[in-house]
Amino acid sequence: MEVIQPFALAPWESRMQAVLSGQEGEDEDQIKELAKAGWAVRIATSSSARNALVGMGGTIRIPVSVARAGKIIENFSVTLGTREEHNRYAAELAAIAHGLNYLPEIEY
């Protein structure tokens, strides 16, 4: 019989590290300074499975310098369907994809 844990990644296992990347010619220290100064686009996503429904949500924070006249903060929350059709891991991937869809709208 399969044992299903109440977490996707055990608390004692190592986590994925964030990677900051920039355009060609920018060194790592300069990229870190820009992120600390608020020049980084931040995307946070989440998913849930509760009461036989699966949903996703998240928020995107775009710095004023990048957003120009557009929105600075965008929030989203969606019910995807029932647990029979979806699971929360697929919902998390859908939330990430939804958040990343905002990036092509940003002009540098």
N, C-alpha and C. Protein backbone atom coordinates (compact mmCIF):
# COMPACT_ATOMS: atom_id res chain seq x y z
N MET A 1 0.84 -1.17 0.00
CA MET A 1 0.00 0.00 0.00
C MET A 1 0.89 1.24 0.00
N GLU A 2 0.50 2.22 -0.79
CA GLU A 2 1.25 3.46 -0.90
C GLU A 2 1.00 4.34 0.32
N VAL A 3 2.07 4.93 0.83
CA VAL A 3 1.95 5.87 1.95
C VAL A 3 2.05 7.28 1.38
N ILE A 4 1.03 8.08 1.56
CA ILE A 4 1.01 9.45 1.06
C ILE A 4 1.30 10.39 2.22
N GLN A 5 2.36 11.16 2.09
CA GLN A 5 2.77 12.10 3.13
C GLN A 5 1.97 13.40 2.99
N PRO A 6 1.78 14.14 4.09
CA PRO A 6 1.02 15.39 4.03
C PRO A 6 1.83 16.58 3.52
N PHE A 7 2.96 16.32 2.90
CA PHE A 7 3.79 17.40 2.39
C PHE A 7 4.43 16.95 1.08
N ALA A 8 4.76 17.91 0.24
CA ALA A 8 5.41 17.60 -1.04
C ALA A 8 6.90 17.34 -0.86
N LEU A 9 7.53 18.10 0.02
CA LEU A 9 8.95 17.96 0.29
C LEU A 9 9.14 17.98 1.80
N ALA A 10 9.78 16.96 2.31
CA ALA A 10 9.97 16.86 3.76
C ALA A 10 10.77 18.05 4.29
N PRO A 11 10.45 18.54 5.48
CA PRO A 11 11.15 19.71 6.03
C PRO A 11 12.65 19.52 6.18
N TRP A 12 13.12 18.29 6.32
CA TRP A 12 14.55 18.04 6.52
C TRP A 12 15.30 17.88 5.19
N GLU A 13 14.60 17.86 4.07
CA GLU A 13 15.26 17.75 2.77
C GLU A 13 15.66 19.14 2.28
N SER A 14 16.70 19.17 1.46
CA SER A 14 17.19 20.46 0.96
C SER A 14 16.19 21.07 -0.02
N ARG A 15 16.12 22.37 -0.01
CA ARG A 15 15.19 23.11 -0.86
C ARG A 15 15.87 23.55 -2.15
N MET A 16 15.05 23.88 -3.13
CA MET A 16 15.56 24.41 -4.38
C MET A 16 16.09 25.83 -4.13
N GLN A 17 17.21 26.15 -4.69
CA GLN A 17 17.80 27.47 -4.52
C GLN A 17 17.32 28.40 -5.62
N ALA A 18 17.08 29.64 -5.26
CA ALA A 18 16.66 30.64 -6.24
C ALA A 18 17.86 31.06 -7.08
N VAL A 19 17.61 31.35 -8.33
CA VAL A 19 18.67 31.76 -9.24
C VAL A 19 18.32 33.14 -9.77
N LEU A 20 19.24 34.06 -9.62
CA LEU A 20 19.07 35.39 -10.17
C LEU A 20 19.87 35.47 -11.46
N SER A 21 19.21 35.89 -12.52
CA SER A 21 19.93 36.01 -13.78
C SER A 21 19.60 37.35 -14.41
N GLY A 22 20.53 37.86 -15.14
CA GLY A 22 20.34 39.14 -15.79
C GLY A 22 20.74 39.06 -17.24
N GLN A 23 20.97 40.21 -17.81
CA GLN A 23 21.37 40.26 -19.21
C GLN A 23 22.87 40.03 -19.30
N GLU A 24 23.34 39.81 -20.51
CA GLU A 24 24.77 39.56 -20.72
C GLU A 24 25.60 40.73 -20.20
N GLY A 25 26.70 40.39 -19.60
CA GLY A 25 27.61 41.41 -19.11
C GLY A 25 27.40 41.80 -17.65
N GLU A 26 26.29 41.43 -17.06
CA GLU A 26 26.04 41.75 -15.66
C GLU A 26 26.66 40.67 -14.78
N ASP A 27 27.45 41.09 -13.81
CA ASP A 27 28.03 40.09 -12.91
C ASP A 27 27.05 39.76 -11.78
N GLU A 28 27.35 38.70 -11.06
CA GLU A 28 26.44 38.19 -10.03
C GLU A 28 26.20 39.20 -8.91
N ASP A 29 27.24 39.92 -8.49
CA ASP A 29 27.09 40.91 -7.41
C ASP A 29 26.15 42.04 -7.82
N GLN A 30 26.28 42.48 -9.06
CA GLN A 30 25.42 43.56 -9.56
C GLN A 30 23.96 43.10 -9.60
N ILE A 31 23.72 41.86 -10.00
CA ILE A 31 22.36 41.32 -10.05
C ILE A 31 21.77 41.25 -8.65
N LYS A 32 22.57 40.81 -7.66
CA LYS A 32 22.08 40.73 -6.28
C LYS A 32 21.74 42.11 -5.73
N GLU A 33 22.54 43.11 -6.06
CA GLU A 33 22.26 44.47 -5.60
C GLU A 33 20.97 45.01 -6.21
N LEU A 34 20.74 44.72 -7.50
CA LEU A 34 19.49 45.15 -8.14
C LEU A 34 18.28 44.49 -7.49
N ALA A 35 18.41 43.22 -7.13
CA ALA A 35 17.31 42.51 -6.47
C ALA A 35 17.03 43.12 -5.10
N LYS A 36 18.08 43.45 -4.34
CA LYS A 36 17.90 44.05 -3.02
C LYS A 36 17.29 45.45 -3.12
N ALA A 37 17.61 46.15 -4.20
CA ALA A 37 17.11 47.52 -4.39
C ALA A 37 15.67 47.54 -4.89
N GLY A 38 15.09 46.38 -5.15
CA GLY A 38 13.69 46.35 -5.58
C GLY A 38 13.50 46.31 -7.07
N TRP A 39 14.51 45.91 -7.83
CA TRP A 39 14.40 45.85 -9.28
C TRP A 39 14.00 44.46 -9.77
N ALA A 40 13.72 43.55 -8.87
CA ALA A 40 13.39 42.18 -9.27
C ALA A 40 11.88 41.99 -9.34
N VAL A 41 11.44 41.23 -10.33
CA VAL A 41 10.04 40.81 -10.40
C VAL A 41 9.89 39.63 -9.46
N ARG A 42 8.89 39.68 -8.59
CA ARG A 42 8.69 38.59 -7.62
C ARG A 42 7.35 37.92 -7.88
N ILE A 43 7.37 36.59 -7.94
CA ILE A 43 6.16 35.81 -8.15
C ILE A 43 6.06 34.78 -7.04
N ALA A 44 4.93 34.76 -6.33
CA ALA A 44 4.68 33.76 -5.29
C ALA A 44 3.39 33.03 -5.66
N THR A 45 3.43 31.70 -5.64
CA THR A 45 2.26 30.91 -6.01
C THR A 45 1.93 29.89 -4.94
N SER A 46 0.71 29.41 -4.97
CA SER A 46 0.28 28.38 -4.02
C SER A 46 -0.88 27.61 -4.63
N SER A 47 -1.13 26.43 -4.07
CA SER A 47 -2.28 25.63 -4.50
C SER A 47 -2.90 24.99 -3.26
N SER A 48 -4.14 24.56 -3.41
CA SER A 48 -4.81 23.91 -2.28
C SER A 48 -5.81 22.89 -2.80
N ALA A 49 -6.06 21.90 -1.97
CA ALA A 49 -7.09 20.90 -2.24
C ALA A 49 -7.91 20.78 -0.96
N ARG A 50 -9.15 21.23 -1.02
CA ARG A 50 -9.98 21.26 0.18
C ARG A 50 -11.45 21.11 -0.21
N ASN A 51 -12.18 20.38 0.61
CA ASN A 51 -13.61 20.17 0.35
C ASN A 51 -13.88 19.66 -1.06
N ALA A 52 -13.05 18.73 -1.51
CA ALA A 52 -13.17 18.08 -2.83
C ALA A 52 -12.91 19.02 -4.00
N LEU A 53 -12.38 20.22 -3.74
CA LEU A 53 -12.04 21.16 -4.81
C LEU A 53 -10.55 21.45 -4.81
N VAL A 54 -10.02 21.75 -5.98
CA VAL A 54 -8.61 22.08 -6.14
C VAL A 54 -8.53 23.50 -6.69
N GLY A 55 -7.66 24.31 -6.10
CA GLY A 55 -7.53 25.68 -6.54
C GLY A 55 -6.09 26.14 -6.55
N MET A 56 -5.87 27.29 -7.13
CA MET A 56 -4.53 27.88 -7.19
C MET A 56 -4.66 29.38 -6.98
N GLY A 57 -3.55 29.97 -6.62
CA GLY A 57 -3.53 31.41 -6.44
C GLY A 57 -2.11 31.91 -6.41
N GLY A 58 -1.98 33.21 -6.40
CA GLY A 58 -0.65 33.78 -6.34
C GLY A 58 -0.68 35.29 -6.43
N THR A 59 0.49 35.85 -6.36
CA THR A 59 0.65 37.29 -6.49
C THR A 59 1.94 37.57 -7.26
N ILE A 60 1.91 38.61 -8.04
CA ILE A 60 3.07 39.03 -8.82
C ILE A 60 3.36 40.47 -8.45
N ARG A 61 4.60 40.75 -8.06
CA ARG A 61 5.00 42.11 -7.73
C ARG A 61 6.01 42.56 -8.76
N ILE A 62 5.63 43.60 -9.48
CA ILE A 62 6.50 44.15 -10.53
C ILE A 62 6.96 45.52 -10.06
N PRO A 63 8.27 45.77 -10.02
CA PRO A 63 8.77 47.07 -9.56
C PRO A 63 8.26 48.21 -10.43
N VAL A 64 8.11 49.38 -9.84
CA VAL A 64 7.64 50.55 -10.56
C VAL A 64 8.54 50.84 -11.76
N SER A 65 9.83 50.65 -11.60
CA SER A 65 10.77 50.93 -12.68
C SER A 65 10.54 50.04 -13.89
N VAL A 66 10.03 48.83 -13.68
CA VAL A 66 9.78 47.90 -14.78
C VAL A 66 8.35 48.04 -15.29
N ALA A 67 7.41 48.27 -14.39
CA ALA A 67 5.99 48.30 -14.75
C ALA A 67 5.62 49.52 -15.58
N ARG A 68 6.33 50.60 -15.40
CA ARG A 68 6.02 51.87 -16.04
C ARG A 68 4.59 52.28 -15.75
N ALA A 69 3.69 52.25 -16.70
CA ALA A 69 2.32 52.69 -16.45
C ALA A 69 1.40 51.53 -16.08
N GLY A 70 1.91 50.31 -16.09
CA GLY A 70 1.07 49.15 -15.81
C GLY A 70 0.87 48.91 -14.33
N LYS A 71 0.25 47.79 -14.02
CA LYS A 71 -0.01 47.42 -12.63
C LYS A 71 1.29 47.04 -11.93
N ILE A 72 1.36 47.35 -10.64
CA ILE A 72 2.53 47.00 -9.86
C ILE A 72 2.33 45.66 -9.17
N ILE A 73 1.12 45.40 -8.66
CA ILE A 73 0.84 44.14 -7.98
C ILE A 73 -0.40 43.51 -8.63
N GLU A 74 -0.29 42.26 -8.97
CA GLU A 74 -1.40 41.51 -9.56
C GLU A 74 -1.64 40.27 -8.70
N ASN A 75 -2.86 40.08 -8.24
CA ASN A 75 -3.24 38.90 -7.46
C ASN A 75 -4.18 38.05 -8.29
N PHE A 76 -4.10 36.73 -8.12
CA PHE A 76 -5.04 35.86 -8.80
C PHE A 76 -5.40 34.68 -7.91
N SER A 77 -6.63 34.22 -8.06
CA SER A 77 -7.14 33.08 -7.30
C SER A 77 -8.19 32.39 -8.16
N VAL A 78 -8.02 31.09 -8.39
CA VAL A 78 -8.88 30.36 -9.31
C VAL A 78 -9.20 28.99 -8.73
N THR A 79 -10.45 28.56 -8.86
CA THR A 79 -10.82 27.18 -8.56
C THR A 79 -10.72 26.41 -9.86
N LEU A 80 -9.88 25.38 -9.89
CA LEU A 80 -9.66 24.62 -11.12
C LEU A 80 -10.71 23.54 -11.34
N GLY A 81 -11.16 22.90 -10.30
CA GLY A 81 -12.16 21.84 -10.44
C GLY A 81 -12.13 20.91 -9.25
N THR A 82 -12.64 19.70 -9.44
CA THR A 82 -12.72 18.73 -8.35
C THR A 82 -11.43 17.93 -8.23
N ARG A 83 -11.29 17.24 -7.11
CA ARG A 83 -10.12 16.38 -6.89
C ARG A 83 -10.09 15.21 -7.85
N GLU A 84 -11.23 14.84 -8.39
CA GLU A 84 -11.28 13.75 -9.36
C GLU A 84 -10.62 14.15 -10.67
N GLU A 85 -10.64 15.45 -10.99
CA GLU A 85 -10.08 15.94 -12.25
C GLU A 85 -8.65 16.46 -12.10
N HIS A 86 -8.31 17.01 -10.93
CA HIS A 86 -7.02 17.67 -10.72
C HIS A 86 -6.44 17.26 -9.38
N ASN A 87 -5.14 17.51 -9.20
CA ASN A 87 -4.53 17.40 -7.88
C ASN A 87 -3.79 18.70 -7.59
N ARG A 88 -3.39 18.89 -6.34
CA ARG A 88 -2.79 20.18 -5.99
C ARG A 88 -1.41 20.39 -6.59
N TYR A 89 -0.72 19.33 -6.97
CA TYR A 89 0.60 19.48 -7.58
C TYR A 89 0.45 20.02 -9.01
N ALA A 90 -0.53 19.53 -9.73
CA ALA A 90 -0.82 20.07 -11.06
C ALA A 90 -1.31 21.51 -10.94
N ALA A 91 -2.07 21.80 -9.88
CA ALA A 91 -2.55 23.17 -9.66
C ALA A 91 -1.39 24.11 -9.39
N GLU A 92 -0.38 23.63 -8.67
CA GLU A 92 0.80 24.47 -8.40
C GLU A 92 1.53 24.78 -9.70
N LEU A 93 1.67 23.79 -10.57
CA LEU A 93 2.31 24.03 -11.87
C LEU A 93 1.49 25.01 -12.70
N ALA A 94 0.18 24.90 -12.65
CA ALA A 94 -0.68 25.84 -13.38
C ALA A 94 -0.53 27.25 -12.82
N ALA A 95 -0.39 27.38 -11.51
CA ALA A 95 -0.20 28.69 -10.89
C ALA A 95 1.13 29.31 -11.31
N ILE A 96 2.17 28.50 -11.38
CA ILE A 96 3.47 28.99 -11.83
C ILE A 96 3.38 29.46 -13.28
N ALA A 97 2.74 28.65 -14.13
CA ALA A 97 2.59 29.03 -15.54
C ALA A 97 1.78 30.31 -15.67
N HIS A 98 0.73 30.45 -14.88
CA HIS A 98 -0.10 31.66 -14.93
C HIS A 98 0.73 32.89 -14.52
N GLY A 99 1.52 32.74 -13.48
CA GLY A 99 2.37 33.85 -13.04
C GLY A 99 3.41 34.23 -14.07
N LEU A 100 4.01 33.24 -14.71
CA LEU A 100 5.04 33.52 -15.71
C LEU A 100 4.46 34.13 -16.98
N ASN A 101 3.17 33.95 -17.22
CA ASN A 101 2.54 34.56 -18.40
C ASN A 101 2.57 36.07 -18.35
N TYR A 102 2.74 36.67 -17.18
CA TYR A 102 2.81 38.12 -17.07
C TYR A 102 4.15 38.67 -17.55
N LEU A 103 5.18 37.85 -17.56
CA LEU A 103 6.52 38.34 -17.90
C LEU A 103 6.67 38.85 -19.33
N PRO A 104 6.09 38.22 -20.35
CA PRO A 104 6.26 38.76 -21.71
C PRO A 104 5.69 40.16 -21.88
N GLU A 105 4.76 40.57 -21.03
CA GLU A 105 4.19 41.91 -21.12
C GLU A 105 5.16 42.99 -20.65
N ILE A 106 6.19 42.60 -19.94
CA ILE A 106 7.15 43.56 -19.41
C ILE A 106 8.13 43.94 -20.51
N GLU A 107 8.29 45.24 -20.73
CA GLU A 107 9.25 45.72 -21.71
C GLU A 107 10.47 46.26 -20.98
N TYR A 108 11.65 45.93 -21.48
CA TYR A 108 12.89 46.37 -20.82
C TYR A 108 13.42 47.61 -21.47
